[in-house]
């Protein structure tokens, strides 16, 4: 196993009553010699954005490109065209191959209550006072022994409205005694991963799960994850549950749900079966607590701490797996909500690519290839899709207005047919697996949705330079009451 992971400590598993400050009755903790989070090595932190060799390579490439365009414009442009064409076609082919691959599920025998490990659920929240009743009701519906479950709400210390809402709600309901608030002191950077790390240092569980404010996890998700960890080797450090947006009816909400169906029910399962490291989603991740702490937990300076963590786990010799119990969530309802979130995601993927290409000597091939096929292709597509489509449309319009000029070249036509066709196949299979009903409008709107991502990529490039650690807050609204269990 590579990296700076300390040797596995000896565990003394003794259930004792919780006597910590702010603790609630009926909580039990695990006595463990390894409670603290290891320091995150600088080379794995997004705080330092670009390594010297990356600057040198970028400068050399830029000079070579400008010089080549000056002296040999047409050959260089042809080379760039075919490079972009090949990357777009590779992305389309990947979706087709993932869609056509078989999907296997493995049932893990359920563990009896006495054999279940202690579980900690952490939810980092900011300006989410309105979701206190829904979130506590949803997490209270988790099917897990209460004396082996703690739920921590990591709230920023200056977020008075959310603090009051959750503390009052918990104090009013005695049956929520396994839940408590962790106040996160103000500090920079003001990010979700910093709040998660602060709460993790106070977590008591053998296993740790992460949820978001709007999540509606399946009640059996913790039991399935615990059973899977018991069956799998210790090198499997994380399990990802599928995310399924529900309840939205607008264009953005419908396309977001379709995108998630492809991501979590087609691409990630295919990458996992192929033995490639896949990026984690920002929620419904389940970890072995010891491993998570030993590798330095989340990078507080990376705004997609989830994706980064998957590749850091791989560099330390660990892998990630999948479980079947889903998490429902409310999708963004409009472009105003969706665009800042997408900007943050693309910026974070750029950060992760920069971090994990600084040094390559301990990057496993499966992790490097997985990162290229997921984050690399996603960033490239987001940056280039709208300009490419604009060029094709302009050429077509020019040909219609003035026959003999413009038009669509055969390679472009092949790319459009394959790109859209393969994407539709992946979308059809993903929607079927996720039980998502799509209309013909949803399917035809796919290219428009792709084009919108280029605007997110443009803002992401700007923020990567000017505001690298800025966290665009996603606004959440309560879910459909029919989806929320009674408290």
Protein backbone atom coordinates (compact mmCIF):
# COMPACT_ATOMS: atom_id res chain seq x y z
CA UNK A 1 0.00 0.00 0.00
CA UNK A 2 1.47 3.34 -1.05
CA UNK A 3 1.16 6.79 0.49
CA UNK A 4 1.53 8.05 4.03
CA UNK A 5 -1.03 5.86 5.75
CA UNK A 6 0.03 4.90 9.27
CA UNK A 7 -0.06 1.24 10.26
CA UNK A 8 -3.47 -0.04 11.24
CA UNK A 9 -3.99 0.61 14.95
CA UNK A 10 -5.13 -1.99 17.40
CA UNK A 11 -8.82 -1.54 18.08
CA UNK A 12 -10.41 -2.11 21.46
CA UNK A 13 -14.12 -2.23 20.82
CA UNK A 14 -15.86 -1.39 24.04
CA UNK A 15 -19.37 0.05 24.12
CA UNK A 16 -19.57 2.73 26.80
CA UNK A 17 -22.10 5.47 27.51
CA UNK A 18 -21.35 8.80 25.85
CA UNK A 19 -20.25 11.44 28.35
CA UNK A 20 -18.94 14.06 25.92
CA UNK A 21 -20.09 17.65 26.04
CA UNK A 22 -23.41 18.28 24.26
CA UNK A 23 -23.93 14.52 24.03
CA UNK A 24 -27.41 13.08 24.17
CA UNK A 25 -28.50 10.05 26.20
CA UNK A 26 -28.65 6.54 24.76
CA UNK A 27 -25.56 7.06 22.57
CA UNK A 28 -22.75 4.57 22.60
CA UNK A 29 -19.25 5.12 21.36
CA UNK A 30 -16.37 2.97 20.23
CA UNK A 31 -13.16 3.30 22.18
CA UNK A 32 -10.48 3.61 19.52
CA UNK A 33 -6.81 4.51 19.65
CA UNK A 34 -6.98 6.37 16.30
CA UNK A 35 -9.47 9.21 16.63
CA UNK A 36 -7.67 12.15 15.01
CA UNK A 37 -7.47 13.00 11.33
CA UNK A 38 -4.02 12.70 9.79
CA UNK A 39 -2.50 15.80 8.23
CA UNK A 40 -3.17 16.13 4.52
CA UNK A 41 0.12 16.22 2.56
CA UNK A 42 0.58 19.44 0.59
CA UNK A 43 0.78 17.60 -2.69
CA UNK A 44 -2.79 16.38 -2.19
CA UNK A 45 -4.23 19.79 -1.33
CA UNK A 46 -5.85 22.11 -3.85
CA UNK A 47 -4.55 25.06 -1.80
CA UNK A 48 -1.48 25.09 -4.04
CA UNK A 49 -3.09 25.12 -7.42
CA UNK A 50 -0.38 24.41 -10.00
CA UNK A 51 2.97 22.65 -9.69
CA UNK A 52 6.09 24.10 -11.31
CA UNK A 53 6.24 21.40 -13.95
CA UNK A 54 2.59 22.03 -14.82
CA UNK A 55 3.32 25.73 -15.35
CA UNK A 56 6.33 24.80 -17.48
CA UNK A 57 4.34 22.31 -19.56
CA UNK A 58 1.50 24.81 -20.05
CA UNK A 59 3.92 27.55 -21.14
CA UNK A 60 5.76 25.23 -23.52
CA UNK A 61 2.52 23.99 -25.04
CA UNK A 62 1.19 27.52 -25.46
CA UNK A 63 4.38 28.73 -27.13
CA UNK A 64 4.45 25.69 -29.41
CA UNK A 65 0.80 26.16 -30.37
CA UNK A 66 1.15 29.87 -31.14
CA UNK A 67 4.34 29.28 -33.11
CA UNK A 68 2.77 26.41 -35.00
CA UNK A 69 -0.28 28.45 -35.93
CA UNK A 70 1.97 31.29 -37.10
CA UNK A 71 4.19 29.17 -39.33
CA UNK A 72 1.91 26.25 -40.25
CA UNK A 73 -1.65 27.39 -39.66
CA UNK A 74 -3.59 24.82 -41.66
CA UNK A 75 -1.72 21.66 -40.53
CA UNK A 76 -1.95 22.74 -36.88
CA UNK A 77 -5.65 23.53 -37.20
CA UNK A 78 -6.24 20.14 -38.81
CA UNK A 79 -4.38 18.46 -35.98
CA UNK A 80 -6.43 20.32 -33.37
CA UNK A 81 -9.63 19.45 -35.20
CA UNK A 82 -8.88 15.74 -35.26
CA UNK A 83 -7.74 15.80 -31.64
CA UNK A 84 -11.05 17.34 -30.57
CA UNK A 85 -13.00 15.03 -32.86
CA UNK A 86 -11.28 11.99 -31.34
CA UNK A 87 -11.98 13.12 -27.77
CA UNK A 88 -15.66 13.75 -28.51
CA UNK A 89 -15.98 10.38 -30.22
CA UNK A 90 -14.22 8.65 -27.31
CA UNK A 91 -16.71 10.21 -24.91
CA UNK A 92 -19.64 9.03 -27.02
CA UNK A 93 -18.19 5.53 -27.40
CA UNK A 94 -17.62 5.29 -23.65
CA UNK A 95 -21.31 5.95 -23.03
CA UNK A 96 -22.32 3.30 -25.54
CA UNK A 97 -19.96 0.70 -24.10
CA UNK A 98 -21.13 1.48 -20.56
CA UNK A 99 -24.78 1.25 -21.58
CA UNK A 100 -24.36 -2.10 -23.29
CA UNK A 101 -22.39 -3.69 -20.47
CA UNK A 102 -24.32 -5.96 -18.15
CA UNK A 103 -25.29 -4.83 -14.69
CA UNK A 104 -24.81 -7.23 -11.80
CA UNK A 105 -25.98 -6.79 -8.26
CA UNK A 106 -24.66 -8.74 -5.30
CA UNK A 107 -26.92 -9.29 -2.34
CA UNK A 108 -25.08 -9.06 0.97
CA UNK A 109 -26.61 -11.07 3.81
CA UNK A 110 -28.09 -8.74 6.39
CA UNK A 111 -26.27 -8.50 9.71
CA UNK A 112 -28.08 -9.13 12.97
CA UNK A 113 -28.38 -6.07 15.16
CA UNK A 114 -25.77 -7.30 17.61
CA UNK A 115 -23.21 -7.62 14.78
CA UNK A 116 -23.82 -4.19 13.26
CA UNK A 117 -21.00 -1.66 13.68
CA UNK A 118 -21.51 1.77 15.20
CA UNK A 119 -22.51 4.20 12.43
CA UNK A 120 -22.07 7.97 12.24
CA UNK A 121 -24.06 10.04 9.77
CA UNK A 122 -22.71 13.54 9.07
CA UNK A 123 -24.67 16.28 7.33
CA UNK A 124 -22.92 19.62 6.68
CA UNK A 125 -25.46 22.45 6.43
CA UNK A 126 -25.45 26.18 5.81
CA UNK A 127 -28.53 28.40 5.64
CA UNK A 128 -30.88 25.40 5.67
CA UNK A 129 -33.22 26.27 8.56
CA UNK A 130 -36.32 25.46 6.51
CA UNK A 131 -35.20 21.87 6.04
CA UNK A 132 -34.83 20.98 9.72
CA UNK A 133 -38.19 19.13 10.07
CA UNK A 134 -37.79 17.27 6.78
CA UNK A 135 -34.18 16.26 7.31
CA UNK A 136 -34.64 15.00 10.85
CA UNK A 137 -37.73 13.03 9.81
CA UNK A 138 -35.90 11.42 6.89
CA UNK A 139 -32.83 10.49 8.95
CA UNK A 140 -35.01 9.25 11.80
CA UNK A 141 -36.57 6.79 9.33
CA UNK A 142 -33.20 5.07 8.78
CA UNK A 143 -33.53 1.43 9.79
CA UNK A 144 -30.61 1.10 12.20
CA UNK A 145 -30.39 0.39 15.95
CA UNK A 146 -30.52 3.72 17.74
CA UNK A 147 -27.90 2.80 20.31
CA UNK A 148 -25.45 2.19 17.45
CA UNK A 149 -26.31 5.29 15.42
CA UNK A 150 -25.31 8.92 15.83
CA UNK A 151 -26.30 11.71 13.47
CA UNK A 152 -24.23 14.89 13.45
CA UNK A 153 -25.40 18.15 11.90
CA UNK A 154 -22.29 20.23 11.16
CA UNK A 155 -23.51 23.84 11.29
CA UNK A 156 -21.47 27.00 10.86
CA UNK A 157 -21.16 28.88 14.15
CA UNK A 158 -22.44 32.16 12.68
CA UNK A 159 -25.47 30.60 10.95
CA UNK A 160 -27.83 31.55 13.78
CA UNK A 161 -31.06 30.79 11.94
CA UNK A 162 -30.09 27.22 11.08
CA UNK A 163 -28.56 26.61 14.52
CA UNK A 164 -31.72 27.75 16.27
CA UNK A 165 -33.96 25.73 13.94
CA UNK A 166 -32.09 22.46 14.48
CA UNK A 167 -31.33 22.86 18.17
CA UNK A 168 -34.93 23.79 18.97
CA UNK A 169 -36.27 20.96 16.86
CA UNK A 170 -34.02 18.37 18.49
CA UNK A 171 -34.78 19.62 21.98
CA UNK A 172 -38.52 19.35 21.32
CA UNK A 173 -38.38 15.71 20.20
CA UNK A 174 -37.02 13.21 22.70
CA UNK A 175 -37.05 10.40 20.12
CA UNK A 176 -34.29 12.25 18.22
CA UNK A 177 -31.82 11.74 21.05
CA UNK A 178 -29.32 10.10 18.68
CA UNK A 179 -28.97 13.38 16.77
CA UNK A 180 -26.91 16.37 17.80
CA UNK A 181 -25.51 19.62 16.46
CA UNK A 182 -21.79 20.21 15.98
CA UNK A 183 -20.95 23.92 15.81
CA UNK A 184 -18.20 24.57 13.26
CA UNK A 185 -16.07 27.63 14.20
CA UNK A 186 -15.60 30.30 11.56
CA UNK A 187 -12.42 29.86 9.53
CA UNK A 188 -11.22 29.91 5.95
CA UNK A 189 -11.86 28.30 3.60
CA UNK A 190 -15.63 28.37 4.15
CA UNK A 191 -16.38 25.05 2.48
CA UNK A 192 -18.38 21.89 3.04
CA UNK A 193 -15.28 19.64 3.36
CA UNK A 194 -13.89 21.77 6.20
CA UNK A 195 -17.17 21.37 8.09
CA UNK A 196 -17.16 17.62 7.40
CA UNK A 197 -13.63 17.29 8.76
CA UNK A 198 -14.57 19.17 11.91
CA UNK A 199 -17.52 16.83 12.51
CA UNK A 200 -15.50 13.73 11.60
CA UNK A 201 -13.07 14.50 14.41
CA UNK A 202 -16.02 14.11 16.76
CA UNK A 203 -17.53 11.04 15.11
CA UNK A 204 -17.76 7.81 17.08
CA UNK A 205 -18.66 5.33 14.39
CA UNK A 206 -16.73 2.52 12.78
CA UNK A 207 -18.52 3.57 9.59
CA UNK A 208 -19.34 7.10 8.43
CA UNK A 209 -22.02 8.18 5.94
CA UNK A 210 -22.36 11.62 4.34
CA UNK A 211 -25.68 13.14 3.32
CA UNK A 212 -26.81 16.52 2.01
CA UNK A 213 -29.64 18.72 3.26
CA UNK A 214 -32.13 17.68 0.56
CA UNK A 215 -31.39 13.93 0.65
CA UNK A 216 -34.01 11.23 1.11
CA UNK A 217 -31.95 8.03 1.61
CA UNK A 218 -33.63 4.63 1.46
CA UNK A 219 -34.29 3.44 5.04
CA UNK A 220 -32.21 0.27 4.49
CA UNK A 221 -29.17 2.06 3.06
CA UNK A 222 -27.04 1.94 6.22
CA UNK A 223 -27.78 -1.75 6.76
CA UNK A 224 -26.87 -2.57 3.16
CA UNK A 225 -23.62 -0.63 3.41
CA UNK A 226 -22.70 -2.26 6.73
CA UNK A 227 -23.39 -5.73 5.32
CA UNK A 228 -21.36 -4.97 2.20
CA UNK A 229 -18.39 -3.72 4.21
CA UNK A 230 -18.53 -6.90 6.32
CA UNK A 231 -18.42 -9.03 3.17
CA UNK A 232 -15.84 -7.03 1.21
CA UNK A 233 -12.08 -6.92 1.87
CA UNK A 234 -10.66 -4.13 4.02
CA UNK A 235 -9.18 -2.46 0.95
CA UNK A 236 -12.69 -1.36 -0.07
CA UNK A 237 -12.84 1.90 1.88
CA UNK A 238 -15.92 3.55 0.45
CA UNK A 239 -19.31 2.60 -0.97
CA UNK A 240 -21.38 4.93 -3.15
CA UNK A 241 -25.17 4.79 -3.26
CA UNK A 242 -27.01 5.82 -6.45
CA UNK A 243 -28.50 9.34 -6.43
CA UNK A 244 -31.89 9.86 -8.04
CA UNK A 245 -33.42 13.34 -8.33
CA UNK A 246 -37.21 13.35 -8.02
CA UNK A 247 -39.98 15.91 -7.96
CA UNK A 248 -38.86 18.44 -10.56
CA UNK A 249 -40.92 19.22 -13.64
CA UNK A 250 -39.05 22.08 -15.33
CA UNK A 251 -36.48 21.69 -18.12
CA UNK A 252 -33.46 21.88 -15.80
CA UNK A 253 -34.94 19.51 -13.23
CA UNK A 254 -35.84 16.92 -15.86
CA UNK A 255 -32.44 17.09 -17.57
CA UNK A 256 -30.69 16.91 -14.20
CA UNK A 257 -32.57 13.72 -13.37
CA UNK A 258 -31.71 12.27 -16.78
CA UNK A 259 -28.04 13.15 -16.31
CA UNK A 260 -27.96 11.41 -12.93
CA UNK A 261 -29.61 8.30 -14.38
CA UNK A 262 -26.74 7.99 -16.86
CA UNK A 263 -24.07 8.83 -14.29
CA UNK A 264 -25.14 6.58 -11.42
CA UNK A 265 -26.93 3.75 -13.23
CA UNK A 266 -24.76 3.43 -16.35
CA UNK A 267 -21.31 5.04 -16.17
CA UNK A 268 -20.29 4.38 -12.57
CA UNK A 269 -21.38 0.71 -12.57
CA UNK A 270 -19.52 0.14 -15.84
CA UNK A 271 -16.34 1.79 -14.55
CA UNK A 272 -16.56 -0.21 -11.34
CA UNK A 273 -16.93 -3.49 -13.24
CA UNK A 274 -13.93 -2.54 -15.37
CA UNK A 275 -11.83 -2.01 -12.25
CA UNK A 276 -11.44 1.75 -12.83
CA UNK A 277 -11.53 4.37 -10.10
CA UNK A 278 -14.69 6.44 -10.43
CA UNK A 279 -15.44 9.85 -8.90
CA UNK A 280 -17.67 9.81 -5.84
CA UNK A 281 -20.85 11.81 -5.69
CA UNK A 282 -21.08 14.57 -3.10
CA UNK A 283 -23.48 12.62 -0.92
CA UNK A 284 -24.47 9.11 0.15
CA UNK A 285 -20.83 8.06 0.50
CA UNK A 286 -20.17 5.42 3.15
CA UNK A 287 -16.64 5.10 4.56
CA UNK A 288 -14.58 2.98 6.89
CA UNK A 289 -13.85 5.68 9.47
CA UNK A 290 -10.29 4.54 10.24
CA UNK A 291 -9.25 4.70 6.59
CA UNK A 292 -10.94 8.05 6.00
CA UNK A 293 -9.11 9.60 8.95
CA UNK A 294 -5.79 7.95 8.10
CA UNK A 295 -5.59 9.48 4.61
CA UNK A 296 -6.42 13.00 5.81
CA UNK A 297 -10.19 12.94 5.12
CA UNK A 298 -11.50 15.69 2.83
CA UNK A 299 -9.44 18.45 1.25
CA UNK A 300 -10.95 21.66 2.65
CA UNK A 301 -9.70 23.64 -0.38
CA UNK A 302 -11.24 21.42 -3.06
CA UNK A 303 -14.82 22.36 -3.95
CA UNK A 304 -15.53 18.83 -5.23
CA UNK A 305 -14.00 17.07 -2.25
CA UNK A 306 -15.90 13.91 -3.16
CA UNK A 307 -14.28 13.36 -6.55
CA UNK A 308 -10.84 14.19 -5.17
CA UNK A 309 -11.21 11.73 -2.30
CA UNK A 310 -11.83 8.78 -4.62
CA UNK A 311 -8.47 9.24 -6.33
CA UNK A 312 -6.62 9.90 -3.08
CA UNK A 313 -8.01 6.65 -1.70
CA UNK A 314 -6.70 4.90 -4.82
CA UNK A 315 -3.25 6.41 -4.32
CA UNK A 316 -3.19 4.90 -0.83
CA UNK A 317 -4.12 1.44 -2.08
CA UNK A 318 -7.88 1.52 -1.46
CA UNK A 319 -10.85 1.11 -3.77
CA UNK A 320 -14.50 2.16 -3.82
CA UNK A 321 -17.61 0.09 -4.46
CA UNK A 322 -21.33 0.54 -5.10
CA UNK A 323 -24.51 -0.37 -3.27
CA UNK A 324 -28.08 -0.52 -4.60
CA UNK A 325 -30.18 1.29 -1.99
CA UNK A 326 -30.73 4.75 -3.55
CA UNK A 327 -30.93 8.26 -2.22
CA UNK A 328 -33.66 10.50 -3.60
CA UNK A 329 -33.03 14.23 -3.72
CA UNK A 330 -34.65 17.41 -4.96
CA UNK A 331 -33.08 18.61 -8.24
CA UNK A 332 -32.33 22.27 -8.99
CA UNK A 333 -35.49 23.84 -10.38
CA UNK A 334 -34.10 26.47 -12.73
CA UNK A 335 -30.96 27.82 -14.35
CA UNK A 336 -30.42 30.34 -11.56
CA UNK A 337 -29.97 27.49 -9.08
CA UNK A 338 -28.30 25.05 -11.44
CA UNK A 339 -25.58 27.27 -12.97
CA UNK A 340 -23.66 28.15 -9.76
CA UNK A 341 -23.75 24.50 -8.72
CA UNK A 342 -22.46 23.37 -12.11
CA UNK A 343 -19.77 26.04 -12.04
CA UNK A 344 -18.56 24.73 -8.68
CA UNK A 345 -18.55 21.14 -9.92
CA UNK A 346 -16.54 21.88 -13.06
CA UNK A 347 -14.10 24.08 -11.12
CA UNK A 348 -13.66 21.30 -8.58
CA UNK A 349 -13.02 18.76 -11.30
CA UNK A 350 -10.36 21.08 -12.72
CA UNK A 351 -8.82 21.36 -9.24
CA UNK A 352 -8.83 17.59 -8.85
CA UNK A 353 -7.16 17.07 -12.22
CA UNK A 354 -4.45 19.57 -11.30
CA UNK A 355 -3.88 18.01 -7.88
CA UNK A 356 -3.63 14.43 -9.08
CA UNK A 357 -1.36 15.17 -12.03
CA UNK A 358 1.23 17.02 -9.94
CA UNK A 359 2.97 13.75 -9.15
CA UNK A 360 2.31 10.58 -11.08
CA UNK A 361 4.69 8.05 -9.56
CA UNK A 362 2.11 6.61 -7.14
CA UNK A 363 -1.03 7.12 -9.25
CA UNK A 364 -2.33 3.65 -10.18
CA UNK A 365 -3.11 3.08 -13.83
CA UNK A 366 -6.73 2.28 -13.00
CA UNK A 367 -7.07 5.59 -11.16
CA UNK A 368 -5.37 7.62 -13.89
CA UNK A 369 -7.46 6.06 -16.64
CA UNK A 370 -10.64 6.41 -14.61
CA UNK A 371 -9.89 10.07 -13.93
CA UNK A 372 -9.22 10.71 -17.61
CA UNK A 373 -12.42 8.99 -18.76
CA UNK A 374 -14.59 10.74 -16.17
CA UNK A 375 -13.28 14.12 -15.00
CA UNK A 376 -11.04 14.72 -18.01
CA UNK A 377 -13.70 14.02 -20.63
CA UNK A 378 -16.35 15.85 -18.62
CA UNK A 379 -14.28 19.02 -18.34
CA UNK A 380 -13.24 18.91 -21.99
CA UNK A 381 -16.81 18.38 -23.16
CA UNK A 382 -18.15 21.17 -20.98
CA UNK A 383 -15.56 23.62 -22.27
CA UNK A 384 -15.78 22.71 -25.96
CA UNK A 385 -19.35 21.54 -26.64
CA UNK A 386 -21.06 24.91 -27.10
CA UNK A 387 -18.29 26.38 -29.33
CA UNK A 388 -18.26 23.22 -31.44
CA UNK A 389 -22.04 23.22 -31.88
CA UNK A 390 -22.02 26.95 -32.65
CA UNK A 391 -19.45 26.35 -35.41
CA UNK A 392 -21.48 23.50 -36.89
CA UNK A 393 -24.70 25.53 -36.84
CA UNK A 394 -22.98 28.53 -38.44
CA UNK A 395 -21.57 26.35 -41.21
CA UNK A 396 -24.99 24.82 -41.81
CA UNK A 397 -26.72 28.21 -41.88
CA UNK A 398 -24.09 29.58 -44.25
CA UNK A 399 -24.65 26.63 -46.57
CA UNK A 400 -28.42 27.20 -46.53
CA UNK A 401 -28.04 30.89 -47.30
CA UNK A 402 -25.28 30.46 -49.86
CA UNK A 403 -25.10 26.98 -51.43
CA UNK A 404 -21.54 25.96 -52.05
CA UNK A 405 -20.25 27.55 -48.87
CA UNK A 406 -20.10 25.97 -45.44
CA UNK A 407 -22.08 22.80 -44.84
CA UNK A 408 -21.43 19.89 -42.51
CA UNK A 409 -18.34 17.83 -43.24
CA UNK A 410 -18.71 14.06 -43.17
CA UNK A 411 -16.65 13.64 -39.96
CA UNK A 412 -18.82 16.24 -38.23
CA UNK A 413 -21.97 14.48 -39.39
CA UNK A 414 -20.67 11.12 -38.14
CA UNK A 415 -19.77 12.68 -34.79
CA UNK A 416 -23.18 14.28 -34.41
CA UNK A 417 -25.02 11.08 -35.25
CA UNK A 418 -22.86 8.90 -33.03
CA UNK A 419 -22.67 11.41 -30.20
CA UNK A 420 -26.40 11.99 -29.98
CA UNK A 421 -27.31 8.41 -30.82
CA UNK A 422 -25.00 6.78 -28.27
CA UNK A 423 -26.10 9.31 -25.63
CA UNK A 424 -29.73 8.44 -26.27
CA UNK A 425 -28.99 4.73 -25.84
CA UNK A 426 -27.22 5.38 -22.54
CA UNK A 427 -30.07 7.65 -21.43
CA UNK A 428 -32.70 5.06 -22.31
CA UNK A 429 -30.95 2.31 -20.33
CA UNK A 430 -30.12 4.58 -17.40
CA UNK A 431 -33.70 5.85 -17.18
CA UNK A 432 -35.03 2.30 -17.23
CA UNK A 433 -32.70 1.22 -14.43
CA UNK A 434 -33.57 4.31 -12.38
CA UNK A 435 -37.31 3.96 -13.09
CA UNK A 436 -37.28 7.44 -14.62
CA UNK A 437 -39.95 8.28 -17.17
CA UNK A 438 -38.74 10.55 -19.96
CA UNK A 439 -40.80 12.31 -22.62
CA UNK A 440 -39.66 12.97 -26.16
CA UNK A 441 -39.12 16.60 -25.13
CA UNK A 442 -36.69 15.46 -22.44
CA UNK A 443 -34.73 13.45 -24.97
CA UNK A 444 -34.64 16.17 -27.60
CA UNK A 445 -33.56 18.72 -25.01
CA UNK A 446 -30.35 16.86 -24.25
CA UNK A 447 -28.10 18.89 -26.67
CA UNK A 448 -29.44 22.16 -25.24
CA UNK A 449 -28.57 21.00 -21.71
CA UNK A 450 -25.06 20.07 -22.85
CA UNK A 451 -24.65 23.52 -24.33
CA UNK A 452 -25.60 25.18 -21.05
CA UNK A 453 -22.75 23.36 -19.33
CA UNK A 454 -20.27 25.36 -21.41
CA UNK A 455 -21.44 28.50 -19.62
CA UNK A 456 -20.68 26.76 -16.33
CA UNK A 457 -17.25 25.83 -17.67
CA UNK A 458 -16.57 29.45 -18.64
CA UNK A 459 -17.41 30.67 -15.12
CA UNK A 460 -15.41 27.78 -13.67
CA UNK A 461 -12.28 28.83 -15.56
CA UNK A 462 -12.67 32.36 -14.27
CA UNK A 463 -13.19 31.22 -10.68
CA UNK A 464 -10.29 28.77 -10.84
CA UNK A 465 -8.00 31.77 -11.33
CA UNK A 466 -9.79 34.52 -9.40
CA UNK A 467 -11.77 32.70 -6.67
CA UNK A 468 -10.45 29.13 -6.45
CA UNK A 469 -11.91 28.30 -3.02
CA UNK A 470 -15.21 30.13 -3.35
CA UNK A 471 -18.15 27.84 -2.59
CA UNK A 472 -21.29 28.55 -4.61
CA UNK A 473 -24.12 27.67 -2.26
CA UNK A 474 -26.92 25.60 -3.81
CA UNK A 475 -30.37 26.67 -2.71
CA UNK A 476 -32.56 23.80 -1.53
CA UNK A 477 -36.31 23.63 -1.11
CA UNK A 478 -38.32 21.08 0.88
CA UNK A 479 -39.23 17.91 -1.00
CA UNK A 480 -42.70 16.78 -1.93
CA UNK A 481 -44.41 16.02 1.43
CA UNK A 482 -45.51 12.64 0.09
CA UNK A 483 -41.86 11.56 -0.06
CA UNK A 484 -41.06 12.55 3.53
CA UNK A 485 -41.84 10.00 6.27
CA UNK A 486 -43.83 11.07 9.30
CA UNK A 487 -41.62 11.96 12.23
